């Protein structure tokens, strides 16, 4: 006699026969904007709403300009995204557009207050600091940080400037009027004093500020106008030399260790680290070769003795290296995590927020203010320091390996 089998019973029998590894699994996929942001505790409701929005993270594209300067822009440039760089047609069109803007009395580059520009001035027989500007070009932007490079990539000194005009002259260096002390040895004990540079009577080819140097030389010949290097004692209209508001040191943490890709700096009572990471990658062809180029920004929270023995860490941003020849990579900051960190441990960095702001707009206003804060500028400046140092280390190591191979081949031949 035939028996009738119900469909539900058949399904139950099949599920029992399945191997455990073959059973369907339920996974929870995190949203891209919140992935890897918080590692110390569960986010609050307002943090989750911020992390899932498109405004909760800021992206900056680091492009090379004239092989020595860098433009950090939130706007993607399709021409510079190409692996081999912009085509001749694109370069010609860009030069034509810049010339047309200049003829109309506009700057060659469209101003962008959300961008940054890293300028490396060149003076013969001197090593002036690099200057980080808030803007798309040093001609339309304001200098905010001076970056002094140490020897063998061990230390970088960042002098944070106030909003005082004419601190940086058209050459891209600190003018002699703001020189901290004539004695070089006296500048070392006080990190807040700036080192100024005189305008020489001669100029080598390639030095920055060509037009400014020629105008100063013409002023000295005619005797009309003020010489920027001559400071009269009775004249108090110029005021005292400007000094740095704050000084931040970025140091190579452990050069001779397994975790050699680690730089540390301290700001606002919090320890920050730029470390190597494998959580991000370049998806284009040959991107696997850049696996040791990617970085992440981590904040180490103050130690809580009652709860944990080890201090917690929060990931605040990442840097993804690029295979494009005119692009260094992409900087990405997790604004929701940074805002929470600032509110909990460094609220003074957001001074100026109006209490009358509505609750629904308070977080957006805080993030907008945070992007223009000194802390955000320090993040960008320290990222540029480590990106440059890691690149120079790789090139130096590759050069030594090639030299060793050539020496071995010559000896064997």
Protein backbone atom coordinates (compact mmCIF):
# COMPACT_ATOMS: atom_id res chain seq x y z
CA UNK A 1 0.00 0.00 0.00
CA UNK A 2 1.44 3.31 -1.04
CA UNK A 3 1.98 6.02 1.55
CA UNK A 4 1.57 9.72 0.92
CA UNK A 5 4.46 11.91 2.07
CA UNK A 6 3.74 15.51 3.00
CA UNK A 7 5.98 18.18 1.45
CA UNK A 8 6.85 19.56 4.90
CA UNK A 9 8.03 16.16 6.14
CA UNK A 10 10.15 15.69 3.03
CA UNK A 11 11.80 19.04 3.57
CA UNK A 12 12.58 18.20 7.20
CA UNK A 13 14.19 14.90 6.19
CA UNK A 14 16.35 16.66 3.60
CA UNK A 15 17.50 19.27 6.13
CA UNK A 16 18.50 16.51 8.58
CA UNK A 17 20.61 14.81 5.88
CA UNK A 18 22.50 18.03 5.11
CA UNK A 19 25.97 18.39 6.49
CA UNK A 20 26.53 21.12 8.99
CA UNK A 21 28.88 22.91 6.66
CA UNK A 22 26.20 22.91 3.95
CA UNK A 23 23.45 24.38 6.05
CA UNK A 24 22.46 27.90 5.14
CA UNK A 25 24.10 30.55 7.27
CA UNK A 26 22.88 33.99 8.14
CA UNK A 27 25.48 36.75 8.01
CA UNK A 28 25.16 40.38 8.98
CA UNK A 29 26.80 42.71 6.48
CA UNK A 30 27.90 46.03 7.86
CA UNK A 31 27.29 49.18 5.90
CA UNK A 32 30.34 50.46 4.03
CA UNK A 33 30.39 53.79 5.85
CA UNK A 34 30.42 52.20 9.30
CA UNK A 35 32.79 49.34 8.55
CA UNK A 36 35.90 49.36 10.68
CA UNK A 37 35.02 52.62 12.42
CA UNK A 38 34.35 51.74 16.04
CA UNK A 39 36.20 48.99 17.85
CA UNK A 40 35.79 49.85 21.52
CA UNK A 41 32.05 49.77 22.17
CA UNK A 42 28.66 49.61 20.53
CA UNK A 43 27.73 52.84 18.75
CA UNK A 44 25.00 55.03 20.03
CA UNK A 45 21.82 55.60 18.05
CA UNK A 46 22.92 58.99 16.77
CA UNK A 47 26.31 57.53 15.76
CA UNK A 48 24.61 54.81 13.74
CA UNK A 49 22.49 57.36 11.93
CA UNK A 50 25.58 59.37 11.11
CA UNK A 51 27.63 56.36 10.02
CA UNK A 52 25.00 55.17 7.58
CA UNK A 53 24.71 58.55 5.88
CA UNK A 54 26.91 59.61 2.99
CA UNK A 55 28.05 62.69 4.92
CA UNK A 56 29.60 60.65 7.74
CA UNK A 57 32.93 60.23 5.96
CA UNK A 58 35.15 62.63 4.05
CA UNK A 59 37.23 61.57 1.05
CA UNK A 60 40.31 63.44 -0.19
CA UNK A 61 42.20 62.57 -3.36
CA UNK A 62 45.96 63.22 -3.14
CA UNK A 63 47.31 64.36 -6.52
CA UNK A 64 50.86 65.33 -7.42
CA UNK A 65 51.51 68.76 -8.87
CA UNK A 66 54.87 69.44 -10.54
CA UNK A 67 56.32 66.33 -8.83
CA UNK A 68 57.04 68.21 -5.59
CA UNK A 69 53.72 69.71 -4.48
CA UNK A 70 50.52 67.89 -3.56
CA UNK A 71 46.89 68.84 -4.02
CA UNK A 72 44.52 67.21 -1.53
CA UNK A 73 41.08 67.68 -3.04
CA UNK A 74 37.63 66.27 -2.20
CA UNK A 75 36.79 66.45 -5.92
CA UNK A 76 37.70 63.50 -8.13
CA UNK A 77 39.79 64.39 -11.21
CA UNK A 78 39.13 61.81 -13.97
CA UNK A 79 42.18 62.88 -15.97
CA UNK A 80 44.58 62.26 -13.08
CA UNK A 81 42.89 58.96 -12.23
CA UNK A 82 44.27 57.38 -15.40
CA UNK A 83 47.14 54.97 -14.83
CA UNK A 84 49.45 56.81 -17.24
CA UNK A 85 48.24 60.28 -16.29
CA UNK A 86 46.30 62.82 -18.38
CA UNK A 87 46.59 62.72 -22.14
CA UNK A 88 48.19 65.51 -24.16
CA UNK A 89 44.75 66.67 -25.23
CA UNK A 90 43.58 66.89 -21.62
CA UNK A 91 46.72 68.78 -20.58
CA UNK A 92 46.28 71.28 -23.41
CA UNK A 93 42.64 71.84 -22.51
CA UNK A 94 43.55 72.38 -18.86
CA UNK A 95 46.26 74.93 -19.69
CA UNK A 96 43.87 76.74 -22.00
CA UNK A 97 41.20 76.87 -19.32
CA UNK A 98 43.67 78.22 -16.77
CA UNK A 99 44.87 80.91 -19.15
CA UNK A 100 41.30 81.98 -19.88
CA UNK A 101 40.56 82.28 -16.18
CA UNK A 102 43.72 84.32 -15.68
CA UNK A 103 42.81 86.66 -18.55
CA UNK A 104 39.41 87.23 -16.93
CA UNK A 105 41.07 88.25 -13.68
CA UNK A 106 40.32 84.96 -11.90
CA UNK A 107 42.81 82.56 -10.30
CA UNK A 108 44.04 79.78 -12.56
CA UNK A 109 42.61 77.17 -10.19
CA UNK A 110 39.07 77.44 -8.91
CA UNK A 111 39.16 78.09 -5.13
CA UNK A 112 37.96 75.28 -2.88
CA UNK A 113 37.81 75.91 0.86
CA UNK A 114 37.45 72.19 1.61
CA UNK A 115 40.70 71.28 -0.14
CA UNK A 116 44.33 71.36 1.02
CA UNK A 117 47.57 72.15 -0.77
CA UNK A 118 51.03 71.01 0.33
CA UNK A 119 53.78 73.26 -1.04
CA UNK A 120 57.49 72.53 -0.98
CA UNK A 121 59.49 75.75 -1.39
CA UNK A 122 63.00 75.63 -2.80
CA UNK A 123 65.82 77.93 -1.69
CA UNK A 124 69.42 77.24 -2.61
CA UNK A 125 71.58 76.01 0.29
CA UNK A 126 68.56 75.98 2.64
CA UNK A 127 65.97 73.39 3.67
CA UNK A 128 62.82 75.40 4.38
CA UNK A 129 59.80 73.60 5.84
CA UNK A 130 56.90 72.44 3.74
CA UNK A 131 53.72 74.48 4.07
CA UNK A 132 50.19 73.10 4.30
CA UNK A 133 47.52 75.48 2.99
CA UNK A 134 43.76 75.29 3.39
CA UNK A 135 42.62 75.70 -0.19
CA UNK A 136 43.24 74.43 -3.69
CA UNK A 137 46.31 76.62 -4.37
CA UNK A 138 48.91 78.50 -2.35
CA UNK A 139 47.92 81.73 -4.14
CA UNK A 140 44.30 81.62 -2.94
CA UNK A 141 44.71 79.78 0.38
CA UNK A 142 45.88 80.38 3.91
CA UNK A 143 48.98 78.72 5.40
CA UNK A 144 48.14 76.73 8.52
CA UNK A 145 51.02 74.31 9.27
CA UNK A 146 54.79 74.34 8.77
CA UNK A 147 56.27 70.84 8.43
CA UNK A 148 59.93 70.44 9.40
CA UNK A 149 61.52 67.16 8.35
CA UNK A 150 64.01 65.36 10.56
CA UNK A 151 66.87 63.10 9.54
CA UNK A 152 66.23 59.53 8.40
CA UNK A 153 62.42 59.93 8.67
CA UNK A 154 62.57 59.65 12.48
CA UNK A 155 60.76 62.86 13.41
CA UNK A 156 58.59 65.62 11.92
CA UNK A 157 57.91 68.90 13.70
CA UNK A 158 54.60 70.55 12.89
CA UNK A 159 54.23 74.23 13.77
CA UNK A 160 50.57 75.27 13.79
CA UNK A 161 50.13 78.86 12.60
CA UNK A 162 47.51 81.41 13.51
CA UNK A 163 45.50 83.39 10.97
CA UNK A 164 48.07 86.20 10.64
CA UNK A 165 48.56 87.51 7.09
CA UNK A 166 51.95 87.86 5.40
CA UNK A 167 53.67 85.27 7.59
CA UNK A 168 54.56 83.34 4.44
CA UNK A 169 55.96 85.51 1.66
CA UNK A 170 55.46 84.79 -2.09
CA UNK A 171 58.47 82.49 -2.07
CA UNK A 172 56.55 80.10 0.17
CA UNK A 173 58.82 80.57 3.22
CA UNK A 174 58.64 82.58 6.44
CA UNK A 175 59.76 86.16 5.84
CA UNK A 176 62.75 87.55 7.69
CA UNK A 177 60.47 89.94 9.61
CA UNK A 178 59.07 86.97 11.55
CA UNK A 179 62.42 85.36 12.27
CA UNK A 180 62.46 84.19 15.87
CA UNK A 181 66.14 84.76 16.61
CA UNK A 182 69.28 85.56 14.67
CA UNK A 183 71.14 82.85 16.57
CA UNK A 184 70.33 79.40 15.21
CA UNK A 185 71.12 77.78 18.55
CA UNK A 186 68.53 79.97 20.27
CA UNK A 187 65.78 78.66 17.97
CA UNK A 188 66.16 75.05 19.10
CA UNK A 189 65.05 75.42 22.76
CA UNK A 190 61.86 77.29 21.81
CA UNK A 191 59.85 75.21 19.33
CA UNK A 192 57.29 77.98 18.84
CA UNK A 193 59.72 80.42 17.23
CA UNK A 194 59.77 80.52 13.44
CA UNK A 195 62.84 80.53 11.25
CA UNK A 196 62.79 83.33 8.68
CA UNK A 197 64.70 83.58 5.40
CA UNK A 198 66.19 86.66 3.79
CA UNK A 199 65.80 87.60 0.13
CA UNK A 200 69.20 87.05 -1.46
CA UNK A 201 70.67 89.38 -4.07
CA UNK A 202 71.19 86.40 -6.34
CA UNK A 203 68.87 83.57 -7.31
CA UNK A 204 69.47 80.13 -8.76
CA UNK A 205 67.34 78.60 -11.47
CA UNK A 206 64.34 76.76 -10.06
CA UNK A 207 63.96 78.70 -6.82
CA UNK A 208 60.41 79.65 -5.89
CA UNK A 209 59.16 83.25 -5.90
CA UNK A 210 60.92 84.48 -9.02
CA UNK A 211 58.75 87.58 -9.48
CA UNK A 212 58.94 88.49 -5.79
CA UNK A 213 62.75 88.27 -5.71
CA UNK A 214 63.04 90.48 -8.81
CA UNK A 215 60.70 93.07 -7.30
CA UNK A 216 62.71 93.20 -4.06
CA UNK A 217 65.95 93.63 -6.02
CA UNK A 218 64.38 96.47 -7.99
CA UNK A 219 63.25 98.13 -4.74
CA UNK A 220 66.76 97.94 -3.35
CA UNK A 221 68.21 99.55 -6.47
CA UNK A 222 65.77 102.45 -6.60
CA UNK A 223 65.52 102.92 -2.84
CA UNK A 224 61.75 103.36 -3.09
CA UNK A 225 59.59 101.17 -0.93
CA UNK A 226 60.31 98.92 2.01
CA UNK A 227 62.93 96.23 2.07
CA UNK A 228 61.43 93.11 3.74
CA UNK A 229 64.82 92.24 5.25
CA UNK A 230 65.40 95.63 6.89
CA UNK A 231 63.69 96.00 10.27
CA UNK A 232 63.91 99.36 11.98
CA UNK A 233 63.93 99.32 15.76
CA UNK A 234 61.63 102.34 16.36
CA UNK A 235 59.01 101.00 13.96
CA UNK A 236 56.42 99.19 16.08
CA UNK A 237 53.66 99.14 13.46
CA UNK A 238 54.79 95.73 12.25
CA UNK A 239 54.43 94.20 15.71
CA UNK A 240 56.36 91.34 17.23
CA UNK A 241 57.46 88.34 15.15
CA UNK A 242 54.73 85.74 14.84
CA UNK A 243 55.18 82.48 16.73
CA UNK A 244 53.47 79.12 16.33
CA UNK A 245 50.33 78.60 18.38
CA UNK A 246 51.06 74.91 18.96
CA UNK A 247 53.74 72.37 18.10
CA UNK A 248 53.05 68.72 17.31
CA UNK A 249 55.70 66.05 16.86
CA UNK A 250 55.21 63.03 14.61
CA UNK A 251 57.71 60.34 15.52
CA UNK A 252 58.66 56.98 14.07
CA UNK A 253 57.64 54.65 16.88
CA UNK A 254 59.63 51.43 16.42
CA UNK A 255 62.07 51.51 13.49
CA UNK A 256 63.69 48.17 14.30
CA UNK A 257 60.73 45.90 14.98
CA UNK A 258 58.13 43.78 13.24
CA UNK A 259 55.71 46.71 13.38
CA UNK A 260 57.99 49.24 11.75
CA UNK A 261 55.21 51.04 9.85
CA UNK A 262 53.95 53.06 12.81
CA UNK A 263 54.14 56.81 13.51
CA UNK A 264 52.83 58.44 16.69
CA UNK A 265 51.71 61.97 17.61
CA UNK A 266 49.93 63.44 20.62
CA UNK A 267 47.25 66.11 20.41
CA UNK A 268 44.44 67.20 22.70
CA UNK A 269 45.41 64.68 25.37
CA UNK A 270 44.95 61.74 22.97
CA UNK A 271 47.58 59.50 21.37
CA UNK A 272 47.18 58.99 17.63
CA UNK A 273 48.96 56.48 15.40
CA UNK A 274 49.36 56.13 11.65
CA UNK A 275 49.89 52.41 11.01
CA UNK A 276 50.18 50.08 8.08
CA UNK A 277 47.02 48.14 7.31
CA UNK A 278 45.68 45.42 5.07
CA UNK A 279 42.00 46.27 5.50
CA UNK A 280 41.95 48.41 2.33
CA UNK A 281 43.34 47.67 -1.11
CA UNK A 282 43.67 49.03 -4.63
CA UNK A 283 41.20 47.15 -6.81
CA UNK A 284 42.78 47.94 -10.17
CA UNK A 285 45.34 45.82 -11.97
CA UNK A 286 48.66 45.48 -10.10
CA UNK A 287 46.98 46.82 -6.97
CA UNK A 288 48.26 43.78 -5.08
CA UNK A 289 51.79 45.20 -5.37
CA UNK A 290 50.71 48.12 -3.17
CA UNK A 291 49.67 45.99 -0.20
CA UNK A 292 52.41 47.55 1.98
CA UNK A 293 51.50 51.11 0.99
CA UNK A 294 48.12 51.43 2.70
CA UNK A 295 47.71 53.15 6.08
CA UNK A 296 45.13 53.71 8.80
CA UNK A 297 44.69 56.37 11.48
CA UNK A 298 44.06 55.02 14.98
CA UNK A 299 43.31 56.85 18.22
CA UNK A 300 44.25 55.24 21.51
CA UNK A 301 41.72 56.10 24.17
CA UNK A 302 42.79 56.87 27.74
CA UNK A 303 43.21 53.78 29.91
CA UNK A 304 40.16 52.85 31.98
CA UNK A 305 41.48 50.87 34.96
CA UNK A 306 38.04 49.83 36.20
CA UNK A 307 36.83 48.23 32.97
CA UNK A 308 39.82 47.05 30.98
CA UNK A 309 43.53 46.53 31.37
CA UNK A 310 44.42 47.45 27.82
CA UNK A 311 43.50 50.83 26.28
CA UNK A 312 40.91 50.81 23.50
CA UNK A 313 41.63 51.88 19.95
CA UNK A 314 39.34 53.60 17.47
CA UNK A 315 39.95 53.67 13.71
CA UNK A 316 39.42 57.22 12.43
CA UNK A 317 40.51 56.96 8.81
CA UNK A 318 42.40 55.12 6.09
CA UNK A 319 44.75 55.85 3.21
CA UNK A 320 44.59 53.74 0.06
CA UNK A 321 47.54 53.98 -2.31
CA UNK A 322 46.87 54.31 -6.05
CA UNK A 323 48.50 52.86 -9.15
CA UNK A 324 47.98 56.10 -11.11
CA UNK A 325 51.25 57.89 -11.82
CA UNK A 326 49.88 61.36 -10.94
CA UNK A 327 47.89 60.26 -7.90
CA UNK A 328 49.36 59.16 -4.57
CA UNK A 329 46.18 57.75 -3.12
CA UNK A 330 42.89 58.42 -1.35
CA UNK A 331 42.47 59.68 2.19
CA UNK A 332 39.25 58.76 3.96
CA UNK A 333 38.23 60.05 7.40
CA UNK A 334 35.33 58.61 9.39
CA UNK A 335 33.69 61.80 10.61
CA UNK A 336 31.16 60.04 12.85
CA UNK A 337 33.92 58.30 14.80
CA UNK A 338 36.02 61.47 15.00
CA UNK A 339 33.04 63.47 16.24
CA UNK A 340 32.30 60.93 18.97
CA UNK A 341 35.95 60.89 20.00
CA UNK A 342 36.06 64.69 20.16
CA UNK A 343 32.82 64.94 22.15
CA UNK A 344 33.99 62.39 24.70
CA UNK A 345 37.66 63.26 25.13
CA UNK A 346 38.48 66.63 23.49
CA UNK A 347 35.38 68.86 23.40
CA UNK A 348 37.49 72.04 23.47
CA UNK A 349 38.43 71.51 19.83
CA UNK A 350 34.85 72.33 18.82
CA UNK A 351 34.53 75.58 20.74
CA UNK A 352 32.23 78.04 19.01
CA UNK A 353 29.19 75.84 18.45
CA UNK A 354 25.99 77.72 19.19
CA UNK A 355 23.76 76.12 21.76
CA UNK A 356 20.63 77.25 19.91
CA UNK A 357 21.19 74.76 17.12
CA UNK A 358 18.40 72.29 16.57
CA UNK A 359 19.11 68.70 17.56
CA UNK A 360 18.59 67.38 14.06
CA UNK A 361 21.18 69.79 12.66
CA UNK A 362 23.60 69.77 15.61
CA UNK A 363 25.66 66.78 14.43
CA UNK A 364 25.89 68.10 10.87
CA UNK A 365 27.01 71.51 12.13
CA UNK A 366 29.60 69.92 14.41
CA UNK A 367 31.04 67.85 11.57
CA UNK A 368 31.23 70.93 9.36
CA UNK A 369 33.05 72.82 12.11
CA UNK A 370 35.30 69.85 12.84
CA UNK A 371 36.51 69.74 9.23
CA UNK A 372 37.85 73.28 9.69
CA UNK A 373 39.37 72.63 13.09
CA UNK A 374 43.05 72.36 13.90
CA UNK A 375 42.66 68.67 14.69
CA UNK A 376 41.53 67.89 11.14
CA UNK A 377 44.45 69.84 9.70
CA UNK A 378 46.85 67.89 11.90
CA UNK A 379 45.36 64.65 10.58
CA UNK A 380 46.01 65.74 6.98
CA UNK A 381 49.52 67.03 7.71
CA UNK A 382 50.62 63.90 9.56
CA UNK A 383 49.18 61.73 6.79
CA UNK A 384 51.27 63.61 4.21
CA UNK A 385 54.37 63.14 6.36
CA UNK A 386 53.98 59.38 6.66
CA UNK A 387 52.99 58.93 3.01
CA UNK A 388 56.17 60.70 1.96
CA UNK A 389 58.41 58.92 4.47
CA UNK A 390 57.10 55.45 3.54
CA UNK A 391 57.62 56.19 -0.15
CA UNK A 392 61.19 57.36 0.41
CA UNK A 393 61.96 54.31 2.54
CA UNK A 394 60.73 51.96 -0.18
CA UNK A 395 62.74 53.74 -2.86
CA UNK A 396 65.85 53.76 -0.67
CA UNK A 397 65.52 50.05 0.09
CA UNK A 398 64.95 49.26 -3.59
CA UNK A 399 68.01 51.30 -4.52
CA UNK A 400 70.15 49.41 -2.02
CA UNK A 401 68.89 46.07 -3.32
CA UNK A 402 69.65 47.03 -6.92
CA UNK A 403 73.10 48.30 -5.95
CA UNK A 404 73.80 45.04 -4.09
CA UNK A 405 72.72 42.97 -7.07
CA UNK A 406 74.90 45.00 -9.40
CA UNK A 407 77.88 44.67 -7.08
CA UNK A 408 77.36 40.92 -6.84
CA UNK A 409 77.04 40.62 -10.59
CA UNK A 410 80.17 42.65 -11.16
CA UNK A 411 82.17 40.58 -8.71
CA UNK A 412 80.91 37.36 -10.24
CA UNK A 413 81.73 38.54 -13.76
